């Protein structure tokens, strides 16, 4: 048996910037679907931010007993779960629509990791945009509510009043809610897109090219 070393002909690279460009182009071409997917993220994050800020305002107005109630946490959990299901469904449909395109990529030399990267970058972009818009809407709800109870109360809640969630003290300032919104939105988008992205990466090129939507 020959022990001669195997020669590596070459490696296929996909620059990260090019992957981002392709993901942005796909979002542009499927703008309506991407907007609907992003909206589910926006609504979930906005509800979370509004819940935290309003709970902090209630604590300023009503004392130490006020805060996030258990039923509100369940509603938040369900809304985020619906958000994940919506993202996963949208990404699965995107995989089905782009099956032949993925087959073409693979025939041109794209590897499984490249296809996986493209879908995860698309999910990352949706998560960042959704988290940012959700944070803005959540703050707007607090400002609108502040016109009723006084902006000084809102500012006091954002700067001094903490909210207890699962035994942890959380200060819902503009910065902390911004970070939480982006991190949560990106996390939910990536988790929901893992299976669709993996499914797209494992498509057989020959079968993908014969696929009819």
Protein backbone atom coordinates (compact mmCIF):
# COMPACT_ATOMS: atom_id res chain seq x y z
CA UNK A 1 0.00 0.00 0.00
CA UNK A 2 1.38 3.36 -1.02
CA UNK A 3 2.07 5.84 1.76
CA UNK A 4 2.61 8.79 -0.54
CA UNK A 5 1.14 12.00 0.87
CA UNK A 6 -2.01 13.34 -0.73
CA UNK A 7 -1.67 16.60 -2.61
CA UNK A 8 -4.08 19.41 -1.88
CA UNK A 9 -5.09 21.13 -5.09
CA UNK A 10 -6.38 24.27 -3.42
CA UNK A 11 -8.85 25.78 -1.01
CA UNK A 12 -12.04 27.70 -1.69
CA UNK A 13 -12.48 30.88 0.28
CA UNK A 14 -15.44 33.21 0.66
CA UNK A 15 -14.51 36.64 2.01
CA UNK A 16 -16.80 37.75 4.84
CA UNK A 17 -17.51 41.04 3.10
CA UNK A 18 -18.69 39.18 -0.01
CA UNK A 19 -20.90 36.93 2.12
CA UNK A 20 -22.50 40.02 3.70
CA UNK A 21 -23.06 41.53 0.24
CA UNK A 22 -24.78 38.37 -1.00
CA UNK A 23 -26.97 38.23 2.14
CA UNK A 24 -27.97 41.88 1.73
CA UNK A 25 -28.77 41.30 -1.94
CA UNK A 26 -30.99 38.36 -1.05
CA UNK A 27 -32.80 40.43 1.59
CA UNK A 28 -33.35 43.14 -1.02
CA UNK A 29 -34.75 40.68 -3.58
CA UNK A 30 -37.09 39.16 -0.99
CA UNK A 31 -37.82 42.39 0.81
CA UNK A 32 -41.45 41.68 1.72
CA UNK A 33 -40.67 38.30 3.28
CA UNK A 34 -37.64 39.73 5.09
CA UNK A 35 -39.73 42.66 6.36
CA UNK A 36 -42.39 40.31 7.75
CA UNK A 37 -39.71 38.21 9.44
CA UNK A 38 -38.06 41.31 10.89
CA UNK A 39 -41.45 42.58 12.11
CA UNK A 40 -41.87 39.49 14.29
CA UNK A 41 -38.51 40.25 15.91
CA UNK A 42 -39.41 43.93 16.31
CA UNK A 43 -42.71 43.18 18.04
CA UNK A 44 -41.17 40.66 20.44
CA UNK A 45 -38.30 42.96 21.42
CA UNK A 46 -40.51 46.05 21.66
CA UNK A 47 -42.89 44.21 23.99
CA UNK A 48 -39.98 43.16 26.20
CA UNK A 49 -38.52 46.68 26.39
CA UNK A 50 -41.90 48.27 27.05
CA UNK A 51 -42.62 45.68 29.77
CA UNK A 52 -39.31 46.37 31.55
CA UNK A 53 -39.60 50.15 31.35
CA UNK A 54 -43.26 50.25 32.37
CA UNK A 55 -42.50 47.92 35.29
CA UNK A 56 -39.75 50.30 36.40
CA UNK A 57 -42.18 53.24 36.13
CA UNK A 58 -44.77 51.32 38.15
CA UNK A 59 -42.16 50.68 40.81
CA UNK A 60 -41.41 54.40 41.06
CA UNK A 61 -45.12 55.20 41.34
CA UNK A 62 -46.20 52.29 43.52
CA UNK A 63 -43.23 51.39 45.65
CA UNK A 64 -41.21 48.23 46.05
CA UNK A 65 -44.10 45.84 45.46
CA UNK A 66 -44.58 46.86 41.83
CA UNK A 67 -42.71 45.13 39.03
CA UNK A 68 -42.94 42.48 36.34
CA UNK A 69 -45.68 39.99 37.17
CA UNK A 70 -45.46 36.26 36.49
CA UNK A 71 -48.24 36.31 33.91
CA UNK A 72 -46.42 39.10 32.04
CA UNK A 73 -43.30 36.97 31.87
CA UNK A 74 -45.36 34.11 30.43
CA UNK A 75 -46.83 36.44 27.81
CA UNK A 76 -43.32 37.63 26.96
CA UNK A 77 -42.08 34.04 26.69
CA UNK A 78 -44.94 33.09 24.37
CA UNK A 79 -44.38 36.18 22.20
CA UNK A 80 -40.67 35.37 21.84
CA UNK A 81 -41.50 31.72 21.10
CA UNK A 82 -43.88 32.83 18.35
CA UNK A 83 -41.10 35.07 17.06
CA UNK A 84 -38.71 32.08 16.83
CA UNK A 85 -41.30 29.92 15.06
CA UNK A 86 -42.01 32.72 12.59
CA UNK A 87 -38.33 33.19 11.77
CA UNK A 88 -37.79 29.46 11.32
CA UNK A 89 -40.82 29.15 9.04
CA UNK A 90 -39.67 32.09 6.94
CA UNK A 91 -36.14 30.72 6.61
CA UNK A 92 -37.41 27.26 5.64
CA UNK A 93 -39.50 28.85 2.89
CA UNK A 94 -36.43 30.81 1.79
CA UNK A 95 -34.44 27.57 1.55
CA UNK A 96 -37.18 26.01 -0.59
CA UNK A 97 -37.30 29.04 -2.87
CA UNK A 98 -33.53 29.12 -3.26
CA UNK A 99 -32.92 25.39 -3.66
CA UNK A 100 -31.84 25.64 -7.29
CA UNK A 101 -29.75 28.70 -6.50
CA UNK A 102 -28.00 26.77 -3.73
CA UNK A 103 -27.40 23.91 -6.17
CA UNK A 104 -25.78 26.36 -8.59
CA UNK A 105 -23.56 27.71 -5.82
CA UNK A 106 -22.38 24.22 -4.97
CA UNK A 107 -21.73 23.34 -8.61
CA UNK A 108 -19.56 26.47 -8.82
CA UNK A 109 -17.53 25.32 -5.82
CA UNK A 110 -19.33 26.60 -2.73
CA UNK A 111 -18.86 24.37 0.31
CA UNK A 112 -21.40 23.46 2.98
CA UNK A 113 -19.86 25.97 5.38
CA UNK A 114 -20.24 28.76 2.81
CA UNK A 115 -23.96 28.10 2.38
CA UNK A 116 -24.35 27.86 6.16
CA UNK A 117 -22.50 31.16 6.58
CA UNK A 118 -24.72 32.96 4.06
CA UNK A 119 -27.94 31.98 5.82
CA UNK A 120 -26.58 32.77 9.28
CA UNK A 121 -25.38 36.20 8.15
CA UNK A 122 -28.85 36.88 6.76
CA UNK A 123 -30.34 35.88 10.13
CA UNK A 124 -27.77 38.06 11.92
CA UNK A 125 -28.73 41.09 9.84
CA UNK A 126 -32.43 40.50 10.49
CA UNK A 127 -31.72 40.17 14.21
CA UNK A 128 -29.70 43.41 14.40
CA UNK A 129 -32.29 45.41 12.45
CA UNK A 130 -35.19 43.88 14.39
CA UNK A 131 -33.48 44.47 17.74
CA UNK A 132 -32.71 48.09 16.92
CA UNK A 133 -36.24 48.89 15.72
CA UNK A 134 -37.77 47.01 18.66
CA UNK A 135 -35.67 49.03 21.11
CA UNK A 136 -36.75 52.31 19.49
CA UNK A 137 -40.44 51.33 19.61
CA UNK A 138 -40.14 50.18 23.24
CA UNK A 139 -38.63 53.53 24.24
CA UNK A 140 -41.34 55.38 22.30
CA UNK A 141 -43.99 53.53 24.31
CA UNK A 142 -42.28 54.70 27.52
CA UNK A 143 -42.12 58.29 26.24
CA UNK A 144 -45.81 58.24 25.24
CA UNK A 145 -46.70 56.82 28.64
CA UNK A 146 -44.48 59.49 30.18
CA UNK A 147 -46.76 62.22 28.86
CA UNK A 148 -49.43 60.83 31.22
CA UNK A 149 -47.39 60.25 34.38
CA UNK A 150 -44.74 62.90 33.84
CA UNK A 151 -41.40 62.64 32.07
CA UNK A 152 -39.59 63.14 35.37
CA UNK A 153 -41.09 59.85 36.55
CA UNK A 154 -39.94 58.09 33.38
CA UNK A 155 -36.41 59.51 33.72
CA UNK A 156 -36.32 58.47 37.37
CA UNK A 157 -37.41 54.94 36.42
CA UNK A 158 -34.75 54.69 33.72
CA UNK A 159 -31.98 55.97 35.95
CA UNK A 160 -32.71 54.63 39.44
CA UNK A 161 -35.51 52.05 39.51
CA UNK A 162 -34.52 48.41 39.01
CA UNK A 163 -36.76 45.50 38.01
CA UNK A 164 -36.47 42.01 39.48
CA UNK A 165 -36.65 39.20 36.92
CA UNK A 166 -36.08 35.61 38.03
CA UNK A 167 -34.36 36.87 41.16
CA UNK A 168 -31.98 39.16 39.25
CA UNK A 169 -31.97 42.95 39.58
CA UNK A 170 -32.12 44.69 36.20
CA UNK A 171 -31.90 48.45 35.63
CA UNK A 172 -33.79 49.18 32.39
CA UNK A 173 -31.79 52.21 31.26
CA UNK A 174 -31.59 53.19 27.59
CA UNK A 175 -28.15 51.58 27.28
CA UNK A 176 -28.97 48.32 29.05
CA UNK A 177 -32.23 47.83 27.15
CA UNK A 178 -30.41 48.59 23.89
CA UNK A 179 -27.76 45.94 24.58
CA UNK A 180 -30.37 43.42 25.75
CA UNK A 181 -32.55 44.09 22.69
CA UNK A 182 -29.73 43.55 20.18
CA UNK A 183 -28.33 40.48 21.95
CA UNK A 184 -31.73 38.83 22.37
CA UNK A 185 -32.84 39.59 18.80
CA UNK A 186 -29.61 38.22 17.30
CA UNK A 187 -29.74 35.16 19.55
CA UNK A 188 -33.34 34.35 18.63
CA UNK A 189 -32.68 34.89 14.92
CA UNK A 190 -29.60 32.66 14.90
CA UNK A 191 -31.26 29.90 16.95
CA UNK A 192 -34.32 29.92 14.71
CA UNK A 193 -32.15 29.83 11.56
CA UNK A 194 -29.80 27.02 12.58
CA UNK A 195 -31.93 24.16 11.25
CA UNK A 196 -32.92 25.89 7.96
CA UNK A 197 -29.28 26.89 7.39
CA UNK A 198 -28.04 23.36 8.11
CA UNK A 199 -30.70 21.94 5.78
CA UNK A 200 -29.61 24.32 3.02
CA UNK A 201 -25.94 23.46 3.54
CA UNK A 202 -26.59 19.72 3.21
CA UNK A 203 -28.55 19.92 -0.05
CA UNK A 204 -27.30 17.62 -2.80
CA UNK A 205 -26.25 19.81 -5.77
CA UNK A 206 -27.65 17.47 -8.45
CA UNK A 207 -31.00 17.09 -6.66
CA UNK A 208 -31.14 20.83 -5.91
CA UNK A 209 -30.76 21.72 -9.60
CA UNK A 210 -33.69 19.45 -10.48
CA UNK A 211 -35.90 20.89 -7.75
CA UNK A 212 -39.12 22.62 -8.83
CA UNK A 213 -40.85 25.09 -6.46
